[in-house]
Amino acid sequence: MEITTPADDRILITREFDAPRHLVYRVWTTPELVSRWWSGHRGTTTEVELDLRPGGRWRYVLKTNDGAEVGFHGEYREIVPDERIVYTEVFELPGVDPDDVDGPLNTVTFTALDGDRTRMELLTETGSRELRDTILQSGMEVGARGQMELIQELADSLR
């Protein structure tokens, strides 16, 4: 996995999987599978709500290994099955309106590679350098690495 900052307000995570694109997409979009990878190795995913359609909402809740609950939610803006998902992502801090879906914009692309491999790129547009840097300093890299490992394991289990 590689994390880069292609612009002052962007984070790009790139990872190649040894699995066909349709399986990586399935792991990314199936609630039962999301609940097994989204927490990475940092706890347990306790809630997965996923309405995979433009205008549909999503919400995931993680219970960390030290007992804290962390929630995220957003809205799907674009869905191209097996190829692309565009969605917002709101970190649920105290006082955040649960109906607010205007957060950073994530674009996930799934590109088929030779040999039944897939390149996944997750581009986060934060809107500011300050928010980009806050996200990068949050420990998200450790969580993302764990997520990517688990996505590979789950894709392998679906073969």
N, C-alpha and C. Protein backbone atom coordinates (compact mmCIF):
# COMPACT_ATOMS: atom_id res chain seq x y z
N MET A 1 0.84 -1.17 0.00
CA MET A 1 0.00 0.00 0.00
C MET A 1 0.88 1.23 0.00
N GLU A 2 0.46 2.22 -0.77
CA GLU A 2 1.19 3.48 -0.83
C GLU A 2 0.23 4.63 -0.56
N ILE A 3 0.67 5.57 0.27
CA ILE A 3 -0.10 6.78 0.53
C ILE A 3 0.70 7.96 0.00
N THR A 4 0.05 8.76 -0.86
CA THR A 4 0.69 9.96 -1.39
C THR A 4 -0.26 11.15 -1.21
N THR A 5 0.29 12.35 -1.40
CA THR A 5 -0.50 13.57 -1.33
C THR A 5 -0.34 14.32 -2.66
N PRO A 6 -1.18 13.99 -3.65
CA PRO A 6 -1.02 14.58 -4.98
C PRO A 6 -1.37 16.07 -5.06
N ALA A 7 -2.00 16.60 -4.03
CA ALA A 7 -2.32 18.04 -3.97
C ALA A 7 -2.48 18.41 -2.50
N ASP A 8 -2.53 19.72 -2.23
CA ASP A 8 -2.63 20.21 -0.85
C ASP A 8 -3.87 19.71 -0.12
N ASP A 9 -4.90 19.34 -0.86
CA ASP A 9 -6.15 18.91 -0.23
C ASP A 9 -6.53 17.48 -0.60
N ARG A 10 -5.52 16.66 -0.94
CA ARG A 10 -5.83 15.30 -1.38
C ARG A 10 -4.89 14.26 -0.78
N ILE A 11 -5.49 13.10 -0.53
CA ILE A 11 -4.75 11.93 -0.08
C ILE A 11 -5.09 10.81 -1.05
N LEU A 12 -4.08 10.11 -1.52
CA LEU A 12 -4.29 8.99 -2.43
C LEU A 12 -3.69 7.73 -1.84
N ILE A 13 -4.54 6.73 -1.65
CA ILE A 13 -4.09 5.41 -1.20
C ILE A 13 -4.18 4.48 -2.40
N THR A 14 -3.08 3.80 -2.69
CA THR A 14 -3.04 2.86 -3.81
C THR A 14 -2.60 1.50 -3.28
N ARG A 15 -3.30 0.46 -3.73
CA ARG A 15 -2.96 -0.90 -3.29
C ARG A 15 -3.30 -1.86 -4.41
N GLU A 16 -2.43 -2.78 -4.70
CA GLU A 16 -2.72 -3.84 -5.65
C GLU A 16 -3.09 -5.10 -4.89
N PHE A 17 -4.13 -5.76 -5.38
CA PHE A 17 -4.62 -6.99 -4.77
C PHE A 17 -4.41 -8.15 -5.74
N ASP A 18 -4.07 -9.28 -5.18
CA ASP A 18 -3.94 -10.50 -5.97
C ASP A 18 -5.30 -11.18 -5.99
N ALA A 19 -6.24 -10.50 -6.67
CA ALA A 19 -7.62 -10.99 -6.76
C ALA A 19 -8.30 -10.25 -7.92
N PRO A 20 -9.25 -10.89 -8.57
CA PRO A 20 -9.97 -10.23 -9.65
C PRO A 20 -10.78 -9.03 -9.14
N ARG A 21 -10.97 -8.07 -10.02
CA ARG A 21 -11.64 -6.82 -9.67
C ARG A 21 -13.03 -7.05 -9.08
N HIS A 22 -13.82 -7.95 -9.64
CA HIS A 22 -15.18 -8.15 -9.13
C HIS A 22 -15.18 -8.64 -7.68
N LEU A 23 -14.15 -9.39 -7.29
CA LEU A 23 -14.09 -9.87 -5.91
C LEU A 23 -13.68 -8.75 -4.95
N VAL A 24 -12.73 -7.91 -5.36
CA VAL A 24 -12.32 -6.78 -4.51
C VAL A 24 -13.51 -5.84 -4.34
N TYR A 25 -14.22 -5.57 -5.42
CA TYR A 25 -15.42 -4.71 -5.35
C TYR A 25 -16.47 -5.34 -4.42
N ARG A 26 -16.67 -6.63 -4.54
CA ARG A 26 -17.66 -7.33 -3.69
C ARG A 26 -17.30 -7.20 -2.21
N VAL A 27 -16.01 -7.36 -1.89
CA VAL A 27 -15.58 -7.22 -0.49
C VAL A 27 -15.84 -5.78 -0.02
N TRP A 28 -15.63 -4.80 -0.89
CA TRP A 28 -15.79 -3.39 -0.54
C TRP A 28 -17.27 -3.01 -0.35
N THR A 29 -18.21 -3.76 -0.98
CA THR A 29 -19.60 -3.30 -1.04
C THR A 29 -20.63 -4.24 -0.41
N THR A 30 -20.21 -5.35 0.15
CA THR A 30 -21.14 -6.30 0.76
C THR A 30 -21.12 -6.11 2.28
N PRO A 31 -22.25 -5.73 2.89
CA PRO A 31 -22.24 -5.41 4.32
C PRO A 31 -21.59 -6.47 5.21
N GLU A 32 -21.89 -7.75 4.97
CA GLU A 32 -21.32 -8.81 5.81
C GLU A 32 -19.80 -8.85 5.70
N LEU A 33 -19.27 -8.51 4.52
CA LEU A 33 -17.83 -8.50 4.33
C LEU A 33 -17.20 -7.21 4.86
N VAL A 34 -17.89 -6.08 4.65
CA VAL A 34 -17.40 -4.81 5.19
C VAL A 34 -17.22 -4.92 6.70
N SER A 35 -18.15 -5.58 7.36
CA SER A 35 -18.07 -5.70 8.82
C SER A 35 -16.83 -6.47 9.26
N ARG A 36 -16.22 -7.23 8.33
CA ARG A 36 -15.04 -8.03 8.68
C ARG A 36 -13.72 -7.31 8.37
N TRP A 37 -13.75 -6.23 7.54
CA TRP A 37 -12.49 -5.57 7.20
C TRP A 37 -12.42 -4.11 7.63
N TRP A 38 -13.53 -3.45 7.80
CA TRP A 38 -13.49 -2.00 7.95
C TRP A 38 -12.73 -1.54 9.19
N SER A 39 -12.77 -2.30 10.25
CA SER A 39 -12.07 -1.90 11.47
C SER A 39 -10.57 -2.14 11.38
N GLY A 40 -10.13 -2.80 10.32
CA GLY A 40 -8.71 -3.15 10.24
C GLY A 40 -8.38 -4.06 11.41
N HIS A 41 -7.28 -3.79 12.07
CA HIS A 41 -6.90 -4.57 13.25
C HIS A 41 -7.04 -3.72 14.51
N ARG A 42 -7.89 -2.68 14.42
CA ARG A 42 -7.99 -1.70 15.51
C ARG A 42 -9.22 -1.88 16.37
N GLY A 43 -9.97 -2.96 16.15
CA GLY A 43 -11.18 -3.18 16.93
C GLY A 43 -12.16 -4.04 16.15
N THR A 44 -13.46 -3.77 16.38
CA THR A 44 -14.53 -4.54 15.76
C THR A 44 -15.52 -3.59 15.12
N THR A 45 -15.95 -3.91 13.92
CA THR A 45 -17.01 -3.13 13.28
C THR A 45 -18.33 -3.61 13.85
N THR A 46 -19.04 -2.72 14.53
CA THR A 46 -20.27 -3.11 15.21
C THR A 46 -21.53 -2.74 14.43
N GLU A 47 -21.38 -1.89 13.43
CA GLU A 47 -22.55 -1.47 12.66
C GLU A 47 -22.14 -1.19 11.22
N VAL A 48 -22.89 -1.75 10.28
CA VAL A 48 -22.70 -1.47 8.86
C VAL A 48 -24.07 -1.25 8.24
N GLU A 49 -24.32 -0.03 7.83
CA GLU A 49 -25.52 0.30 7.06
C GLU A 49 -25.03 0.76 5.70
N LEU A 50 -25.57 0.17 4.65
CA LEU A 50 -25.03 0.43 3.32
C LEU A 50 -26.17 0.39 2.31
N ASP A 51 -26.51 1.54 1.72
CA ASP A 51 -27.53 1.65 0.67
C ASP A 51 -26.80 2.08 -0.60
N LEU A 52 -26.28 1.09 -1.31
CA LEU A 52 -25.35 1.31 -2.42
C LEU A 52 -26.09 1.76 -3.68
N ARG A 53 -26.36 3.06 -3.76
CA ARG A 53 -26.97 3.68 -4.93
C ARG A 53 -26.72 5.18 -4.83
N PRO A 54 -26.67 5.88 -5.95
CA PRO A 54 -26.51 7.33 -5.87
C PRO A 54 -27.61 7.94 -5.00
N GLY A 55 -27.21 8.74 -4.01
CA GLY A 55 -28.16 9.29 -3.05
C GLY A 55 -28.36 8.41 -1.83
N GLY A 56 -27.89 7.17 -1.90
CA GLY A 56 -28.00 6.26 -0.76
C GLY A 56 -27.01 6.64 0.33
N ARG A 57 -27.34 6.28 1.54
CA ARG A 57 -26.48 6.61 2.69
C ARG A 57 -25.75 5.38 3.17
N TRP A 58 -24.65 5.63 3.87
CA TRP A 58 -23.89 4.56 4.51
C TRP A 58 -23.49 5.04 5.91
N ARG A 59 -23.27 4.08 6.80
CA ARG A 59 -22.78 4.37 8.15
C ARG A 59 -22.07 3.14 8.68
N TYR A 60 -20.85 3.34 9.22
CA TYR A 60 -20.08 2.29 9.84
C TYR A 60 -19.66 2.75 11.23
N VAL A 61 -19.70 1.84 12.19
CA VAL A 61 -19.27 2.15 13.55
C VAL A 61 -18.22 1.11 13.96
N LEU A 62 -17.14 1.62 14.53
CA LEU A 62 -16.03 0.80 15.00
C LEU A 62 -15.95 0.92 16.51
N LYS A 63 -15.83 -0.22 17.18
CA LYS A 63 -15.50 -0.23 18.60
C LYS A 63 -14.03 -0.58 18.68
N THR A 64 -13.23 0.38 19.14
CA THR A 64 -11.78 0.20 19.16
C THR A 64 -11.39 -0.81 20.23
N ASN A 65 -10.17 -1.28 20.12
CA ASN A 65 -9.65 -2.25 21.08
C ASN A 65 -9.65 -1.71 22.51
N ASP A 66 -9.61 -0.37 22.66
CA ASP A 66 -9.66 0.20 24.01
C ASP A 66 -11.08 0.62 24.42
N GLY A 67 -12.09 0.22 23.63
CA GLY A 67 -13.48 0.41 24.03
C GLY A 67 -14.18 1.66 23.50
N ALA A 68 -13.50 2.53 22.80
CA ALA A 68 -14.14 3.73 22.25
C ALA A 68 -14.95 3.38 21.01
N GLU A 69 -16.06 4.09 20.83
CA GLU A 69 -16.86 3.92 19.61
C GLU A 69 -16.58 5.09 18.68
N VAL A 70 -16.36 4.74 17.40
CA VAL A 70 -16.05 5.73 16.39
C VAL A 70 -16.96 5.48 15.20
N GLY A 71 -17.70 6.51 14.80
CA GLY A 71 -18.63 6.36 13.69
C GLY A 71 -18.28 7.26 12.52
N PHE A 72 -18.62 6.78 11.34
CA PHE A 72 -18.48 7.52 10.10
C PHE A 72 -19.74 7.30 9.28
N HIS A 73 -20.14 8.30 8.51
CA HIS A 73 -21.27 8.13 7.62
C HIS A 73 -21.10 9.03 6.40
N GLY A 74 -21.95 8.84 5.42
CA GLY A 74 -21.89 9.66 4.23
C GLY A 74 -22.95 9.27 3.24
N GLU A 75 -22.77 9.80 2.03
CA GLU A 75 -23.75 9.58 0.96
C GLU A 75 -23.01 9.16 -0.31
N TYR A 76 -23.59 8.18 -1.00
CA TYR A 76 -23.03 7.77 -2.28
C TYR A 76 -23.43 8.77 -3.35
N ARG A 77 -22.47 9.20 -4.14
CA ARG A 77 -22.72 10.17 -5.22
C ARG A 77 -22.72 9.48 -6.58
N GLU A 78 -21.90 8.45 -6.74
CA GLU A 78 -21.80 7.75 -8.03
C GLU A 78 -21.40 6.30 -7.77
N ILE A 79 -22.03 5.39 -8.50
CA ILE A 79 -21.72 3.97 -8.41
C ILE A 79 -21.59 3.42 -9.84
N VAL A 80 -20.45 2.86 -10.17
CA VAL A 80 -20.26 2.12 -11.41
C VAL A 80 -19.79 0.73 -10.97
N PRO A 81 -20.68 -0.26 -10.96
CA PRO A 81 -20.34 -1.57 -10.41
C PRO A 81 -19.01 -2.11 -10.95
N ASP A 82 -18.21 -2.64 -10.03
CA ASP A 82 -16.90 -3.23 -10.30
C ASP A 82 -15.86 -2.22 -10.76
N GLU A 83 -16.19 -0.92 -10.86
CA GLU A 83 -15.24 0.06 -11.38
C GLU A 83 -15.00 1.26 -10.48
N ARG A 84 -16.08 1.85 -9.94
CA ARG A 84 -15.91 3.15 -9.29
C ARG A 84 -17.04 3.41 -8.29
N ILE A 85 -16.65 3.99 -7.15
CA ILE A 85 -17.61 4.43 -6.14
C ILE A 85 -17.17 5.82 -5.69
N VAL A 86 -18.10 6.76 -5.67
CA VAL A 86 -17.83 8.11 -5.19
C VAL A 86 -18.79 8.37 -4.02
N TYR A 87 -18.22 8.79 -2.89
CA TYR A 87 -19.05 8.99 -1.71
C TYR A 87 -18.41 10.01 -0.77
N THR A 88 -19.25 10.62 0.05
CA THR A 88 -18.74 11.53 1.08
C THR A 88 -18.48 10.73 2.34
N GLU A 89 -17.65 11.33 3.23
CA GLU A 89 -17.31 10.65 4.48
C GLU A 89 -17.25 11.68 5.60
N VAL A 90 -18.14 11.51 6.58
CA VAL A 90 -18.23 12.41 7.72
C VAL A 90 -17.82 11.65 8.98
N PHE A 91 -16.83 12.17 9.69
CA PHE A 91 -16.40 11.61 10.97
C PHE A 91 -17.36 12.13 12.03
N GLU A 92 -17.96 11.24 12.80
CA GLU A 92 -18.99 11.60 13.75
C GLU A 92 -18.40 12.07 15.08
N LEU A 93 -18.11 13.33 15.15
CA LEU A 93 -17.67 13.97 16.38
C LEU A 93 -18.90 14.42 17.16
N PRO A 94 -18.78 14.66 18.47
CA PRO A 94 -19.92 15.20 19.22
C PRO A 94 -20.41 16.49 18.56
N GLY A 95 -21.72 16.59 18.40
CA GLY A 95 -22.31 17.77 17.79
C GLY A 95 -22.47 17.69 16.29
N VAL A 96 -21.95 16.63 15.65
CA VAL A 96 -22.12 16.46 14.21
C VAL A 96 -23.54 15.97 13.94
N ASP A 97 -24.23 16.65 13.05
CA ASP A 97 -25.59 16.29 12.66
C ASP A 97 -25.55 14.97 11.89
N PRO A 98 -26.29 13.95 12.33
CA PRO A 98 -26.25 12.66 11.64
C PRO A 98 -26.78 12.74 10.21
N ASP A 99 -27.50 13.81 9.88
CA ASP A 99 -27.99 13.97 8.52
C ASP A 99 -27.01 14.73 7.63
N ASP A 100 -25.94 15.27 8.21
CA ASP A 100 -24.94 15.99 7.44
C ASP A 100 -24.14 15.00 6.61
N VAL A 101 -24.14 15.19 5.30
CA VAL A 101 -23.38 14.30 4.43
C VAL A 101 -22.31 15.06 3.64
N ASP A 102 -22.08 16.30 4.00
CA ASP A 102 -21.07 17.10 3.30
C ASP A 102 -19.74 17.02 4.02
N GLY A 103 -18.97 16.02 3.66
CA GLY A 103 -17.63 15.85 4.21
C GLY A 103 -16.67 15.65 3.07
N PRO A 104 -15.47 15.21 3.38
CA PRO A 104 -14.52 14.91 2.31
C PRO A 104 -15.14 13.96 1.29
N LEU A 105 -14.71 14.11 0.05
CA LEU A 105 -15.23 13.29 -1.05
C LEU A 105 -14.21 12.21 -1.38
N ASN A 106 -14.65 10.96 -1.34
CA ASN A 106 -13.80 9.81 -1.66
C ASN A 106 -14.19 9.25 -3.01
N THR A 107 -13.19 8.95 -3.82
CA THR A 107 -13.41 8.26 -5.09
C THR A 107 -12.55 7.01 -5.08
N VAL A 108 -13.21 5.86 -5.15
CA VAL A 108 -12.50 4.58 -5.17
C VAL A 108 -12.62 4.03 -6.59
N THR A 109 -11.48 3.71 -7.18
CA THR A 109 -11.50 3.07 -8.50
C THR A 109 -10.86 1.70 -8.40
N PHE A 110 -11.44 0.78 -9.13
CA PHE A 110 -10.97 -0.60 -9.17
C PHE A 110 -10.56 -0.87 -10.62
N THR A 111 -9.28 -1.11 -10.85
CA THR A 111 -8.76 -1.31 -12.19
C THR A 111 -8.26 -2.74 -12.33
N ALA A 112 -8.79 -3.44 -13.33
CA ALA A 112 -8.36 -4.82 -13.59
C ALA A 112 -6.95 -4.79 -14.18
N LEU A 113 -6.09 -5.64 -13.65
CA LEU A 113 -4.72 -5.79 -14.14
C LEU A 113 -4.54 -7.20 -14.68
N ASP A 114 -3.47 -7.41 -15.41
CA ASP A 114 -3.18 -8.75 -15.92
C ASP A 114 -3.03 -9.73 -14.76
N GLY A 115 -3.35 -10.97 -15.05
CA GLY A 115 -3.15 -12.02 -14.05
C GLY A 115 -4.19 -12.01 -12.95
N ASP A 116 -5.40 -11.56 -13.25
CA ASP A 116 -6.48 -11.52 -12.24
C ASP A 116 -6.09 -10.71 -11.01
N ARG A 117 -5.39 -9.61 -11.24
CA ARG A 117 -5.02 -8.68 -10.16
C ARG A 117 -5.86 -7.42 -10.30
N THR A 118 -5.91 -6.65 -9.23
CA THR A 118 -6.70 -5.41 -9.20
C THR A 118 -5.90 -4.32 -8.54
N ARG A 119 -5.91 -3.13 -9.15
CA ARG A 119 -5.35 -1.94 -8.49
C ARG A 119 -6.54 -1.13 -7.97
N MET A 120 -6.50 -0.86 -6.68
CA MET A 120 -7.51 -0.02 -6.04
C MET A 120 -6.85 1.31 -5.72
N GLU A 121 -7.51 2.39 -6.09
CA GLU A 121 -7.05 3.72 -5.73
C GLU A 121 -8.18 4.41 -4.98
N LEU A 122 -7.87 4.93 -3.80
CA LEU A 122 -8.82 5.68 -2.99
C LEU A 122 -8.30 7.10 -2.88
N LEU A 123 -8.98 8.02 -3.57
CA LEU A 123 -8.61 9.43 -3.56
C LEU A 123 -9.57 10.17 -2.64
N THR A 124 -9.03 10.82 -1.62
CA THR A 124 -9.83 11.63 -0.69
C THR A 124 -9.54 13.09 -0.96
N GLU A 125 -10.60 13.83 -1.28
CA GLU A 125 -10.51 15.28 -1.47
C GLU A 125 -11.06 15.93 -0.21
N THR A 126 -10.16 16.54 0.56
CA THR A 126 -10.53 17.05 1.88
C THR A 126 -11.06 18.47 1.88
N GLY A 127 -10.74 19.23 0.85
CA GLY A 127 -11.18 20.63 0.81
C GLY A 127 -10.18 21.61 1.39
N SER A 128 -9.21 21.12 2.15
CA SER A 128 -8.20 22.01 2.72
C SER A 128 -6.95 21.22 3.09
N ARG A 129 -5.84 21.93 3.11
CA ARG A 129 -4.58 21.32 3.54
C ARG A 129 -4.66 20.94 5.02
N GLU A 130 -5.31 21.78 5.83
CA GLU A 130 -5.41 21.53 7.27
C GLU A 130 -6.12 20.22 7.56
N LEU A 131 -7.26 19.99 6.88
CA LEU A 131 -7.98 18.74 7.12
C LEU A 131 -7.19 17.55 6.57
N ARG A 132 -6.55 17.72 5.43
CA ARG A 132 -5.70 16.64 4.89
C ARG A 132 -4.65 16.25 5.91
N ASP A 133 -3.97 17.25 6.47
CA ASP A 133 -2.90 16.97 7.43
C ASP A 133 -3.44 16.36 8.72
N THR A 134 -4.61 16.80 9.16
CA THR A 134 -5.24 16.22 10.36
C THR A 134 -5.53 14.74 10.13
N ILE A 135 -6.06 14.42 8.97
CA ILE A 135 -6.36 13.02 8.65
C ILE A 135 -5.06 12.20 8.62
N LEU A 136 -4.05 12.73 7.95
CA LEU A 136 -2.78 12.00 7.85
C LEU A 136 -2.14 11.77 9.22
N GLN A 137 -2.32 12.72 10.14
CA GLN A 137 -1.72 12.62 11.47
C GLN A 137 -2.58 11.83 12.46
N SER A 138 -3.74 11.37 12.01
CA SER A 138 -4.68 10.69 12.91
C SER A 138 -4.33 9.22 13.18
N GLY A 139 -3.35 8.71 12.48
CA GLY A 139 -3.06 7.28 12.58
C GLY A 139 -3.78 6.48 11.52
N MET A 140 -4.37 7.16 10.55
CA MET A 140 -5.15 6.48 9.53
C MET A 140 -4.33 5.48 8.71
N GLU A 141 -3.03 5.71 8.61
CA GLU A 141 -2.20 4.80 7.81
C GLU A 141 -2.20 3.39 8.40
N VAL A 142 -2.08 3.29 9.71
CA VAL A 142 -2.10 1.97 10.36
C VAL A 142 -3.44 1.29 10.12
N GLY A 143 -4.52 2.03 10.28
CA GLY A 143 -5.84 1.47 10.04
C GLY A 143 -6.04 1.04 8.61
N ALA A 144 -5.61 1.88 7.67
CA ALA A 144 -5.76 1.56 6.24
C ALA A 144 -4.95 0.33 5.87
N ARG A 145 -3.75 0.20 6.39
CA ARG A 145 -2.94 -0.99 6.10
C ARG A 145 -3.65 -2.26 6.57
N GLY A 146 -4.20 -2.20 7.77
CA GLY A 146 -4.94 -3.36 8.28
C GLY A 146 -6.16 -3.67 7.42
N GLN A 147 -6.87 -2.64 7.00
CA GLN A 147 -8.03 -2.84 6.12
C GLN A 147 -7.62 -3.54 4.83
N MET A 148 -6.54 -3.06 4.22
CA MET A 148 -6.11 -3.63 2.94
C MET A 148 -5.70 -5.09 3.08
N GLU A 149 -5.03 -5.43 4.18
CA GLU A 149 -4.67 -6.83 4.42
C GLU A 149 -5.93 -7.70 4.52
N LEU A 150 -6.92 -7.21 5.25
CA LEU A 150 -8.14 -7.98 5.44
C LEU A 150 -8.96 -8.08 4.15
N ILE A 151 -8.95 -7.03 3.33
CA ILE A 151 -9.64 -7.09 2.03
C ILE A 151 -9.01 -8.20 1.18
N GLN A 152 -7.68 -8.29 1.17
CA GLN A 152 -7.01 -9.35 0.42
C GLN A 152 -7.42 -10.71 0.95
N GLU A 153 -7.42 -10.89 2.25
CA GLU A 153 -7.81 -12.19 2.84
C GLU A 153 -9.24 -12.56 2.47
N LEU A 154 -10.15 -11.58 2.54
CA LEU A 154 -11.54 -11.87 2.22
C LEU A 154 -11.72 -12.18 0.74
N ALA A 155 -11.03 -11.44 -0.13
CA ALA A 155 -11.11 -11.73 -1.57
C ALA A 155 -10.59 -13.14 -1.84
N ASP A 156 -9.52 -13.52 -1.17
CA ASP A 156 -8.98 -14.88 -1.33
C ASP A 156 -10.02 -15.91 -0.91
N SER A 157 -10.76 -15.63 0.16
CA SER A 157 -11.75 -16.60 0.66
C SER A 157 -12.94 -16.75 -0.26
N LEU A 158 -13.15 -15.82 -1.18
CA LEU A 158 -14.29 -15.87 -2.09
C LEU A 158 -14.00 -16.62 -3.38
N ARG A 159 -12.75 -16.99 -3.59
CA ARG A 159 -12.39 -17.68 -4.84
C ARG A 159 -12.96 -19.07 -4.88
